[in-house]
Amino acid sequence: MSEKRIRVLVAGCGNMGSSHAAAYHQMEAFEICGLVSRGNSNRELNQQLAADYPLYSDYYEALAETKPDAVCIATYQDTHEAYAIKALEAGAHVFIEKPLADSVAGAERVVEAAKKHQKKLVIGYILRHHPSWKKFIELAAGLGRPLVMRMNLNQQSSGHAWQVHKKFLSNMSPIVDCGVHYIDVMCQMVRSKPVQVTAIGARLSESVPEGNYNYGQLQIRFEDGSVGWYEAGWGPMISETAFFVKDVIGPKGSVSIVAKNAGGVGASSNIDAHTKTESILLHHADIDADDRFTKNDEWIDMQDEPGHQELCNRQQRYFYDAIVQDTDLTDHMNDAVNSLRIAFACDESVKTGQVVML
C-alpha cells in the first residue's frame, strides 16, 4: 500500500488517541514518531502496544523535536485549535478528533490554516466510515421529503467514563461534543439548508460547571421541511431506557437501526457499542385501496460490521490516501464546520431559551 511511510505524532493517548495509535502501529503506511500526553497514558499505551515510541509531555516540544509528516490530535477540545494550527504551520498534515475546535470561529481558523499551508485536514467523523451508517443514510434519502429524523445517544457513565465526561463538561456540552456526529448524519440525509434550531438542557449534577449542562435535546428545521431531533446525556444518573434511537421517517416509509445488543442494558457507556448497527429495518408505506400495506418490511443485515478499532483503522487509511493521492477535502472540511455551527447554535438556544435562526 505504502508509497511513502508517514511519520506521525500522536497527541492525546486516551480512548480515541489510543485507538488511532493502534491503527498507526499496525499499518505499514505510518510510523509513530512520538506519543504525547500530560499524564501516564502514553507510557501505558507503549506497554499496550508492546512498543518503545518516544514519549513527550509537552506537545509543542514534541512537534519541534520530531518534525512529523502528520499529527493526530485526540486531546481535550480546548486544545484542538491551537494544536492543529501549530502542526499545519510546521508543515504537517492533521487528523483531528471531533469537534474540530471549541468555537465556530476557531474551526474556521483551522480550515483556513490547512488551505494556506496546503496540508490535509481530516476530522474524525467516524460514522462516515461505517458501511452500515452509509447504508442508513442512503435508505433515508430514498424515503421522500420531508424527513423526520430521531436520534439519541445517552450514556450512563460512572468510574473512569464519568471522570472523562466531567473533563469534557469543563468546556463543552454533550449535544455539541456528540451532537456533531448526528447533525452531520442528518445533513447528509437531507442535503438541505438548516434554517433554525431550538434546544433544551439540564444541569443534573453539582460536578457539572455552572452555566453548562450534562443533558440536552436539540431540534433542527431544514429548508425542505425536514426536521430532526437529537438527545444526549452523560453521567451516573442517566437512564438506559431507550438510550439508543436511530430512526428516520419519510412519506415513503421509515428506516431504523435496530441494535438489540448494542442498545441493551448496561451498554450505554460502552464506546465499542456506539457505532454498532447489527440490523437495519426498512418499512414501506405503500398501501392499497383498502389502506393495507402492499410490501413487507425488510430486514437488512450488513455483512461488514466493523468494531470501534476497525473503524479507526479505516479512518487512518482514509487519512493516508488523502495525503498520498492529494484528495480535495474542501467538502469534508466545510461539512465539519457546518455541523459544528449548528451544534453551537443549539448550545446557544439552551443557554438563552430562544429559537436560533441559522
Foldseek 3Di string as FASTA:
>chain_A
DAPAEFEEEQEDQPDLSLLLVLLQLPDPNYDYQEYEDLDCSVVVSCVVSVHDHHYYDDLVVSCVVRLGQAYEADDAQQCQLVSLLVCLVSNHAYEYEPPNHLDLVSLVVSVVSCVVSVHHYFYCLLLVLFPVLVVQLVLLLPQADDKEWEWEQEAQDDDPLQVVVLVNLVRDECCQRVVLNVLLSVCSNPVFAWWWKAKAFAADDPSRDPPTGQWMKMKIAGPRGHIYMYIYGYYNVDDLVPRGWTKMAHNFWIKTQDDDPCSDPPNSSPPQSNNFRQKMKTTGCDADPVSHDPDDIDIDGDPDTDTPSVSSSSSVVVVSCCRVVVDDCPVSSVSSSVSSVVSVQNSVNNSPVDMGTD
